[in-house]
């Protein structure tokens, strides 16, 4: 089966949409942040962007989780900012990407108003600079986060079920 990876920069709604998608599909959901080594969390909390080397063990852990859950299907979040990061995740099994995309202003506003998250707004620009949108040969779809979470879930389910 296919694992849906809900991707996008911080503040795009990956957790909200991913949780709702998993519920609609009757499957398990995993939050990307739980796969980060403590050093990554501390680095981001201090306002320092992660490097490719910092992200490598995190991506490997998510790919391993995908491998463990692909038989029954699942949903996991991951910023998956670069194509080479998505290539690592695809190594875990059949993956379909749901890219949640939005304006910098909306993303920043969401980050400013949420509570209990380690990611400071100061790192948003570094994530946006690293973001490589899905390419035509990558399985998935992109949706604008100006839609409500319910509308995003509905549109994502429709695109996922209609995929070739």
N, C-alpha and C. Protein backbone atom coordinates (compact mmCIF):
# COMPACT_ATOMS: atom_id res chain seq x y z
N UNK A 1 0.84 -1.19 0.00
CA UNK A 1 0.00 0.00 0.00
C UNK A 1 0.88 1.24 0.00
N UNK A 2 0.24 2.36 -0.02
CA UNK A 2 0.95 3.63 -0.13
C UNK A 2 0.95 4.38 1.20
N UNK A 3 2.07 5.00 1.50
CA UNK A 3 2.18 5.89 2.66
C UNK A 3 2.09 7.32 2.14
N UNK A 4 1.22 8.11 2.74
CA UNK A 4 1.11 9.52 2.40
C UNK A 4 2.08 10.29 3.28
N UNK A 5 2.93 11.09 2.64
CA UNK A 5 3.83 11.99 3.35
C UNK A 5 3.27 13.41 3.18
N UNK A 6 2.84 13.99 4.30
CA UNK A 6 2.33 15.36 4.28
C UNK A 6 3.54 16.26 4.46
N UNK A 7 3.85 17.04 3.43
CA UNK A 7 5.08 17.83 3.41
C UNK A 7 4.79 19.32 3.34
N UNK A 8 5.80 20.09 3.72
CA UNK A 8 5.71 21.54 3.65
C UNK A 8 6.56 22.15 4.75
N UNK A 9 6.73 23.44 4.67
CA UNK A 9 7.52 24.15 5.67
C UNK A 9 6.76 24.21 6.99
N UNK A 10 7.44 24.64 8.01
CA UNK A 10 6.84 24.79 9.32
C UNK A 10 5.66 25.76 9.23
N UNK A 11 4.58 25.43 9.92
CA UNK A 11 3.40 26.28 9.92
C UNK A 11 2.41 26.00 8.81
N UNK A 12 2.71 25.02 7.96
CA UNK A 12 1.82 24.75 6.82
C UNK A 12 0.62 23.88 7.19
N UNK A 13 0.62 23.32 8.38
CA UNK A 13 -0.53 22.51 8.80
C UNK A 13 -0.35 21.02 8.63
N UNK A 14 0.90 20.57 8.55
CA UNK A 14 1.17 19.15 8.33
C UNK A 14 0.53 18.26 9.40
N UNK A 15 0.66 18.64 10.65
CA UNK A 15 0.11 17.82 11.73
C UNK A 15 -1.41 17.80 11.69
N UNK A 16 -2.02 18.95 11.54
CA UNK A 16 -3.48 19.03 11.50
C UNK A 16 -4.05 18.22 10.35
N UNK A 17 -3.52 18.43 9.16
CA UNK A 17 -4.02 17.73 7.98
C UNK A 17 -3.65 16.25 8.02
N UNK A 18 -2.42 15.95 8.43
CA UNK A 18 -1.99 14.56 8.49
C UNK A 18 -2.81 13.73 9.46
N UNK A 19 -3.08 14.29 10.62
CA UNK A 19 -3.90 13.59 11.61
C UNK A 19 -5.30 13.32 11.07
N UNK A 20 -5.90 14.33 10.44
CA UNK A 20 -7.24 14.18 9.89
C UNK A 20 -7.26 13.18 8.73
N UNK A 21 -6.23 13.22 7.89
CA UNK A 21 -6.14 12.25 6.78
C UNK A 21 -6.07 10.82 7.30
N UNK A 22 -5.21 10.60 8.28
CA UNK A 22 -5.08 9.26 8.85
C UNK A 22 -6.40 8.79 9.44
N UNK A 23 -7.09 9.70 10.10
CA UNK A 23 -8.38 9.34 10.69
C UNK A 23 -9.38 8.96 9.59
N UNK A 24 -9.44 9.75 8.53
CA UNK A 24 -10.35 9.47 7.41
C UNK A 24 -10.02 8.13 6.74
N UNK A 25 -8.74 7.82 6.66
CA UNK A 25 -8.30 6.57 6.01
C UNK A 25 -8.29 5.39 6.97
N UNK A 26 -8.50 5.65 8.24
CA UNK A 26 -8.49 4.58 9.24
C UNK A 26 -7.12 3.95 9.40
N UNK A 27 -6.10 4.80 9.40
CA UNK A 27 -4.74 4.31 9.49
C UNK A 27 -3.96 5.09 10.54
N UNK A 28 -2.71 4.73 10.71
CA UNK A 28 -1.85 5.34 11.71
C UNK A 28 -1.19 6.61 11.16
N UNK A 29 -0.92 7.56 12.08
CA UNK A 29 -0.24 8.80 11.74
C UNK A 29 1.01 8.94 12.60
N UNK A 30 2.09 9.42 12.00
CA UNK A 30 3.32 9.71 12.74
C UNK A 30 3.74 11.14 12.47
N UNK A 31 4.11 11.83 13.54
CA UNK A 31 4.56 13.22 13.50
C UNK A 31 6.06 13.26 13.26
N UNK A 32 6.49 13.97 12.24
CA UNK A 32 7.91 14.03 11.85
C UNK A 32 8.82 14.49 12.98
N UNK A 33 8.35 15.42 13.78
CA UNK A 33 9.21 15.96 14.83
C UNK A 33 9.66 14.90 15.82
N UNK A 34 8.88 13.84 15.97
CA UNK A 34 9.26 12.78 16.93
C UNK A 34 10.45 11.97 16.44
N UNK A 35 10.82 12.11 15.19
CA UNK A 35 11.95 11.37 14.63
C UNK A 35 13.28 12.14 14.75
N UNK A 36 13.21 13.41 15.12
CA UNK A 36 14.42 14.23 15.21
C UNK A 36 15.29 13.81 16.39
N UNK A 37 16.59 13.72 16.17
CA UNK A 37 17.49 13.58 17.32
C UNK A 37 17.38 14.83 18.20
N UNK A 38 17.62 14.69 19.47
CA UNK A 38 17.54 15.82 20.41
C UNK A 38 18.39 17.01 19.96
N UNK A 39 19.56 16.72 19.39
CA UNK A 39 20.45 17.80 18.94
C UNK A 39 19.79 18.66 17.87
N UNK A 40 18.98 18.07 17.01
CA UNK A 40 18.28 18.84 15.98
C UNK A 40 17.25 19.78 16.61
N UNK A 41 16.51 19.26 17.56
CA UNK A 41 15.50 20.08 18.25
C UNK A 41 16.17 21.26 18.94
N UNK A 42 17.27 20.99 19.63
CA UNK A 42 17.99 22.04 20.33
C UNK A 42 18.53 23.09 19.36
N UNK A 43 19.04 22.63 18.22
CA UNK A 43 19.58 23.55 17.23
C UNK A 43 18.49 24.47 16.68
N UNK A 44 17.34 23.88 16.33
CA UNK A 44 16.24 24.69 15.79
C UNK A 44 15.67 25.62 16.86
N UNK A 45 15.53 25.13 18.07
CA UNK A 45 15.03 25.95 19.17
C UNK A 45 15.90 27.18 19.36
N UNK A 46 17.21 27.01 19.16
CA UNK A 46 18.16 28.12 19.31
C UNK A 46 18.16 29.05 18.09
N UNK A 47 17.33 28.71 17.07
CA UNK A 47 17.22 29.58 15.90
C UNK A 47 18.21 29.29 14.79
N UNK A 48 18.81 28.10 14.80
CA UNK A 48 19.78 27.73 13.77
C UNK A 48 19.15 26.73 12.80
N UNK A 49 19.23 27.00 11.50
CA UNK A 49 18.65 26.05 10.54
C UNK A 49 19.46 24.76 10.50
N UNK A 50 18.77 23.68 10.18
CA UNK A 50 19.43 22.39 10.03
C UNK A 50 20.16 22.31 8.70
N UNK A 51 21.24 21.56 8.69
CA UNK A 51 21.99 21.29 7.46
C UNK A 51 21.53 19.96 6.89
N UNK A 52 21.97 19.66 5.69
CA UNK A 52 21.67 18.35 5.10
C UNK A 52 22.19 17.24 6.02
N UNK A 53 23.35 17.45 6.60
CA UNK A 53 23.93 16.43 7.49
C UNK A 53 23.08 16.26 8.74
N UNK A 54 22.54 17.35 9.28
CA UNK A 54 21.65 17.26 10.44
C UNK A 54 20.39 16.46 10.11
N UNK A 55 19.90 16.66 8.90
CA UNK A 55 18.63 16.03 8.52
C UNK A 55 18.79 14.55 8.15
N UNK A 56 19.99 14.11 7.81
CA UNK A 56 20.18 12.74 7.32
C UNK A 56 19.64 11.67 8.27
N UNK A 57 19.98 11.67 9.57
CA UNK A 57 19.45 10.61 10.44
C UNK A 57 17.93 10.72 10.63
N UNK A 58 17.43 11.93 10.60
CA UNK A 58 15.99 12.15 10.72
C UNK A 58 15.26 11.55 9.52
N UNK A 59 15.75 11.83 8.33
CA UNK A 59 15.14 11.29 7.12
C UNK A 59 15.23 9.77 7.09
N UNK A 60 16.37 9.24 7.51
CA UNK A 60 16.55 7.78 7.55
C UNK A 60 15.55 7.14 8.51
N UNK A 61 15.31 7.79 9.64
CA UNK A 61 14.35 7.26 10.62
C UNK A 61 12.93 7.28 10.05
N UNK A 62 12.56 8.34 9.34
CA UNK A 62 11.23 8.40 8.73
C UNK A 62 11.10 7.34 7.64
N UNK A 63 12.14 7.19 6.82
CA UNK A 63 12.12 6.16 5.77
C UNK A 63 11.97 4.77 6.38
N UNK A 64 12.62 4.53 7.49
CA UNK A 64 12.49 3.24 8.19
C UNK A 64 11.06 3.05 8.68
N UNK A 65 10.47 4.09 9.22
CA UNK A 65 9.08 4.02 9.66
C UNK A 65 8.16 3.71 8.48
N UNK A 66 8.39 4.36 7.34
CA UNK A 66 7.61 4.10 6.13
C UNK A 66 7.73 2.63 5.74
N UNK A 67 8.95 2.11 5.77
CA UNK A 67 9.19 0.71 5.44
C UNK A 67 8.38 -0.21 6.36
N UNK A 68 8.30 0.13 7.63
CA UNK A 68 7.58 -0.68 8.61
C UNK A 68 6.07 -0.59 8.45
N UNK A 69 5.58 0.47 7.83
CA UNK A 69 4.14 0.70 7.77
C UNK A 69 3.54 0.65 6.36
N UNK A 70 4.35 0.43 5.35
CA UNK A 70 3.82 0.52 3.98
C UNK A 70 2.84 -0.59 3.65
N UNK A 71 2.92 -1.73 4.30
CA UNK A 71 2.01 -2.84 3.97
C UNK A 71 0.55 -2.49 4.23
N UNK A 72 0.29 -1.72 5.26
CA UNK A 72 -1.08 -1.36 5.62
C UNK A 72 -1.44 0.07 5.24
N UNK A 73 -0.46 0.83 4.72
CA UNK A 73 -0.69 2.22 4.43
C UNK A 73 -0.60 3.02 5.73
N UNK A 74 -0.26 4.28 5.62
CA UNK A 74 -0.09 5.13 6.79
C UNK A 74 0.06 6.57 6.31
N UNK A 75 0.12 7.48 7.28
CA UNK A 75 0.36 8.90 7.00
C UNK A 75 1.46 9.37 7.94
N UNK A 76 2.41 10.11 7.39
CA UNK A 76 3.50 10.67 8.19
C UNK A 76 3.76 12.08 7.68
N UNK A 77 4.16 12.95 8.59
CA UNK A 77 4.54 14.29 8.17
C UNK A 77 6.05 14.39 8.06
N UNK A 78 6.50 15.28 7.20
CA UNK A 78 7.92 15.58 7.03
C UNK A 78 8.00 16.83 6.18
N UNK A 79 8.89 17.73 6.53
CA UNK A 79 9.02 18.92 5.69
C UNK A 79 9.40 18.52 4.27
N UNK A 80 10.25 17.49 4.12
CA UNK A 80 10.62 16.97 2.80
C UNK A 80 10.94 18.10 1.83
N UNK A 81 11.75 19.04 2.28
CA UNK A 81 11.97 20.27 1.54
C UNK A 81 12.65 20.10 0.19
N UNK A 82 13.55 19.15 0.10
CA UNK A 82 14.33 18.98 -1.12
C UNK A 82 14.00 17.65 -1.78
N UNK A 83 14.15 17.63 -3.09
CA UNK A 83 13.88 16.39 -3.80
C UNK A 83 14.75 15.25 -3.27
N UNK A 84 16.01 15.51 -2.98
CA UNK A 84 16.87 14.41 -2.50
C UNK A 84 16.38 13.90 -1.15
N UNK A 85 15.74 14.74 -0.35
CA UNK A 85 15.14 14.26 0.90
C UNK A 85 13.96 13.35 0.58
N UNK A 86 13.16 13.74 -0.39
CA UNK A 86 12.01 12.92 -0.78
C UNK A 86 12.47 11.61 -1.39
N UNK A 87 13.61 11.62 -2.08
CA UNK A 87 14.17 10.38 -2.62
C UNK A 87 14.49 9.41 -1.49
N UNK A 88 15.04 9.93 -0.38
CA UNK A 88 15.32 9.07 0.78
C UNK A 88 14.02 8.47 1.31
N UNK A 89 12.99 9.29 1.43
CA UNK A 89 11.71 8.80 1.94
C UNK A 89 11.09 7.77 1.01
N UNK A 90 11.23 7.97 -0.30
CA UNK A 90 10.71 7.00 -1.27
C UNK A 90 11.43 5.66 -1.15
N UNK A 91 12.65 5.68 -0.62
CA UNK A 91 13.37 4.44 -0.41
C UNK A 91 12.72 3.53 0.61
N UNK A 92 11.78 4.07 1.40
CA UNK A 92 11.07 3.29 2.40
C UNK A 92 9.91 2.50 1.84
N UNK A 93 9.47 2.82 0.65
CA UNK A 93 8.33 2.13 0.05
C UNK A 93 7.54 3.05 -0.85
N UNK A 94 6.33 2.61 -1.22
CA UNK A 94 5.46 3.39 -2.10
C UNK A 94 4.96 4.61 -1.33
N UNK A 95 5.29 5.80 -1.83
CA UNK A 95 4.98 7.04 -1.14
C UNK A 95 4.25 7.99 -2.08
N UNK A 96 3.29 8.71 -1.53
CA UNK A 96 2.58 9.77 -2.24
C UNK A 96 2.70 11.02 -1.39
N UNK A 97 3.13 12.14 -1.99
CA UNK A 97 3.38 13.37 -1.25
C UNK A 97 2.20 14.34 -1.36
N UNK A 98 1.81 14.86 -0.23
CA UNK A 98 0.82 15.92 -0.16
C UNK A 98 1.56 17.17 0.30
N UNK A 99 1.81 18.08 -0.65
CA UNK A 99 2.56 19.30 -0.35
C UNK A 99 1.59 20.41 0.03
N UNK A 100 1.69 20.87 1.28
CA UNK A 100 0.90 21.99 1.76
C UNK A 100 1.72 23.25 1.57
N UNK A 101 1.21 24.14 0.73
CA UNK A 101 1.95 25.32 0.32
C UNK A 101 1.15 26.58 0.64
N UNK A 102 1.84 27.64 1.05
CA UNK A 102 1.14 28.88 1.32
C UNK A 102 2.06 30.08 1.29
N UNK A 103 1.47 31.24 1.42
CA UNK A 103 2.25 32.47 1.39
C UNK A 103 3.10 32.59 2.65
N UNK A 104 4.19 33.31 2.52
CA UNK A 104 5.08 33.51 3.66
C UNK A 104 4.33 34.19 4.80
N UNK A 105 3.49 35.18 4.47
CA UNK A 105 2.76 35.92 5.50
C UNK A 105 1.83 34.99 6.29
N UNK A 106 1.09 34.14 5.60
CA UNK A 106 0.19 33.21 6.28
C UNK A 106 0.97 32.22 7.13
N UNK A 107 2.06 31.69 6.59
CA UNK A 107 2.89 30.75 7.35
C UNK A 107 3.45 31.40 8.61
N UNK A 108 3.96 32.61 8.48
CA UNK A 108 4.53 33.32 9.62
C UNK A 108 3.47 33.60 10.68
N UNK A 109 2.30 34.00 10.24
CA UNK A 109 1.22 34.28 11.19
C UNK A 109 0.84 33.02 11.97
N UNK A 110 0.75 31.90 11.27
CA UNK A 110 0.43 30.64 11.94
C UNK A 110 1.51 30.27 12.96
N UNK A 111 2.77 30.46 12.57
CA UNK A 111 3.86 30.12 13.48
C UNK A 111 3.85 31.00 14.72
N UNK A 112 3.52 32.27 14.54
CA UNK A 112 3.50 33.21 15.66
C UNK A 112 2.39 32.88 16.66
N UNK A 113 1.29 32.35 16.18
CA UNK A 113 0.14 32.14 17.06
C UNK A 113 0.05 30.74 17.65
N UNK A 114 0.87 29.81 17.20
CA UNK A 114 0.78 28.47 17.78
C UNK A 114 1.60 28.39 19.06
N UNK A 115 1.21 27.47 19.89
CA UNK A 115 1.89 27.30 21.17
C UNK A 115 2.48 25.90 21.26
N UNK A 116 3.51 25.77 22.07
CA UNK A 116 4.08 24.46 22.34
C UNK A 116 4.94 23.88 21.24
N UNK A 117 5.42 24.71 20.32
CA UNK A 117 6.28 24.20 19.26
C UNK A 117 7.64 24.89 19.33
N UNK A 118 8.68 24.12 19.05
CA UNK A 118 10.05 24.62 19.20
C UNK A 118 10.54 25.49 18.04
N UNK A 119 9.90 25.42 16.90
CA UNK A 119 10.40 26.08 15.70
C UNK A 119 10.10 27.58 15.72
N UNK A 120 11.14 28.42 15.76
CA UNK A 120 10.90 29.87 15.76
C UNK A 120 10.60 30.39 14.35
N UNK A 121 9.85 31.48 14.28
CA UNK A 121 9.51 32.10 13.00
C UNK A 121 10.77 32.51 12.24
N UNK A 122 11.85 32.77 12.97
CA UNK A 122 13.10 33.21 12.33
C UNK A 122 13.66 32.16 11.36
N UNK A 123 13.23 30.90 11.49
CA UNK A 123 13.73 29.86 10.58
C UNK A 123 12.86 29.66 9.34
N UNK A 124 11.74 30.36 9.27
CA UNK A 124 10.85 30.19 8.13
C UNK A 124 11.54 30.50 6.81
N UNK A 125 12.27 31.62 6.74
CA UNK A 125 12.91 32.00 5.48
C UNK A 125 13.93 30.97 5.02
N UNK A 126 14.66 30.35 5.95
CA UNK A 126 15.63 29.32 5.54
C UNK A 126 14.91 28.10 4.98
N UNK A 127 13.75 27.77 5.56
CA UNK A 127 12.98 26.64 5.02
C UNK A 127 12.43 26.97 3.63
N UNK A 128 11.91 28.16 3.47
CA UNK A 128 11.39 28.55 2.17
C UNK A 128 12.49 28.59 1.11
N UNK A 129 13.69 29.01 1.51
CA UNK A 129 14.82 29.04 0.58
C UNK A 129 15.22 27.63 0.15
N UNK A 130 15.11 26.66 1.04
CA UNK A 130 15.47 25.27 0.74
C UNK A 130 14.38 24.52 -0.01
N UNK A 131 13.13 24.99 0.06
CA UNK A 131 12.01 24.26 -0.50
C UNK A 131 12.12 24.09 -2.02
N UNK A 132 12.05 22.85 -2.44
CA UNK A 132 11.98 22.50 -3.86
C UNK A 132 10.61 21.86 -4.08
N UNK A 133 9.71 22.56 -4.78
CA UNK A 133 8.37 22.00 -4.98
C UNK A 133 8.42 20.64 -5.68
N UNK A 134 7.36 19.89 -5.51
CA UNK A 134 7.26 18.60 -6.19
C UNK A 134 7.46 18.79 -7.69
N UNK A 135 8.18 17.88 -8.28
CA UNK A 135 8.37 17.90 -9.73
C UNK A 135 7.35 16.98 -10.37
N UNK A 136 7.15 17.13 -11.68
CA UNK A 136 6.10 16.41 -12.40
C UNK A 136 6.23 14.89 -12.26
N UNK A 137 7.44 14.39 -12.10
CA UNK A 137 7.62 12.93 -12.00
C UNK A 137 7.54 12.40 -10.56
N UNK A 138 7.24 13.29 -9.60
CA UNK A 138 7.11 12.85 -8.22
C UNK A 138 5.62 12.62 -7.91
N UNK A 139 5.30 11.47 -7.32
CA UNK A 139 3.89 11.19 -7.03
C UNK A 139 3.36 12.08 -5.92
N UNK A 140 2.29 12.81 -6.22
CA UNK A 140 1.72 13.65 -5.19
C UNK A 140 0.92 14.80 -5.76
N UNK A 141 0.52 15.70 -4.87
CA UNK A 141 -0.27 16.87 -5.24
C UNK A 141 0.07 18.01 -4.29
N UNK A 142 -0.15 19.23 -4.76
CA UNK A 142 0.12 20.42 -3.96
C UNK A 142 -1.19 21.18 -3.78
N UNK A 143 -1.42 21.61 -2.54
CA UNK A 143 -2.63 22.37 -2.23
C UNK A 143 -2.26 23.60 -1.41
N UNK A 144 -3.04 24.66 -1.60
CA UNK A 144 -2.82 25.93 -0.91
C UNK A 144 -3.45 25.87 0.48
N UNK A 145 -2.67 26.28 1.46
CA UNK A 145 -3.13 26.21 2.85
C UNK A 145 -4.15 27.29 3.21
N UNK A 146 -4.51 28.12 2.24
CA UNK A 146 -5.58 29.09 2.53
C UNK A 146 -6.92 28.37 2.60
N UNK A 147 -6.98 27.13 2.10
CA UNK A 147 -8.18 26.31 2.26
C UNK A 147 -8.31 25.90 3.72
N UNK A 148 -9.50 25.61 4.15
CA UNK A 148 -9.70 25.13 5.52
C UNK A 148 -9.09 23.74 5.65
N UNK A 149 -8.74 23.32 6.86
CA UNK A 149 -8.22 21.95 7.03
C UNK A 149 -9.18 20.90 6.47
N UNK A 150 -10.48 21.06 6.69
CA UNK A 150 -11.45 20.09 6.19
C UNK A 150 -11.43 20.04 4.66
N UNK A 151 -11.34 21.21 4.02
CA UNK A 151 -11.30 21.26 2.56
C UNK A 151 -9.99 20.68 2.03
N UNK A 152 -8.89 20.92 2.74
CA UNK A 152 -7.61 20.33 2.35
C UNK A 152 -7.66 18.81 2.41
N UNK A 153 -8.22 18.29 3.48
CA UNK A 153 -8.33 16.84 3.63
C UNK A 153 -9.20 16.26 2.51
N UNK A 154 -10.33 16.90 2.25
CA UNK A 154 -11.22 16.41 1.20
C UNK A 154 -10.52 16.42 -0.17
N UNK A 155 -9.85 17.53 -0.48
CA UNK A 155 -9.15 17.62 -1.77
C UNK A 155 -8.00 16.62 -1.85
N UNK A 156 -7.28 16.45 -0.76
CA UNK A 156 -6.17 15.50 -0.75
C UNK A 156 -6.66 14.07 -0.93
N UNK A 157 -7.74 13.71 -0.23
CA UNK A 157 -8.29 12.36 -0.38
C UNK A 157 -8.74 12.10 -1.81
N UNK A 158 -9.37 13.10 -2.41
CA UNK A 158 -9.82 12.95 -3.80
C UNK A 158 -8.61 12.74 -4.71
N UNK A 159 -7.59 13.57 -4.58
CA UNK A 159 -6.40 13.44 -5.44
C UNK A 159 -5.68 12.11 -5.18
N UNK A 160 -5.60 11.71 -3.93
CA UNK A 160 -4.93 10.45 -3.59
C UNK A 160 -5.67 9.27 -4.18
N UNK A 161 -6.98 9.27 -4.09
CA UNK A 161 -7.77 8.14 -4.61
C UNK A 161 -7.81 8.11 -6.13
N UNK A 162 -7.62 9.27 -6.77
CA UNK A 162 -7.66 9.34 -8.23
C UNK A 162 -6.29 9.22 -8.88
N UNK A 163 -5.25 9.05 -8.07
CA UNK A 163 -3.89 8.99 -8.65
C UNK A 163 -3.78 7.83 -9.63
N UNK A 164 -2.93 8.03 -10.60
CA UNK A 164 -2.77 7.00 -11.65
C UNK A 164 -1.98 5.83 -11.13
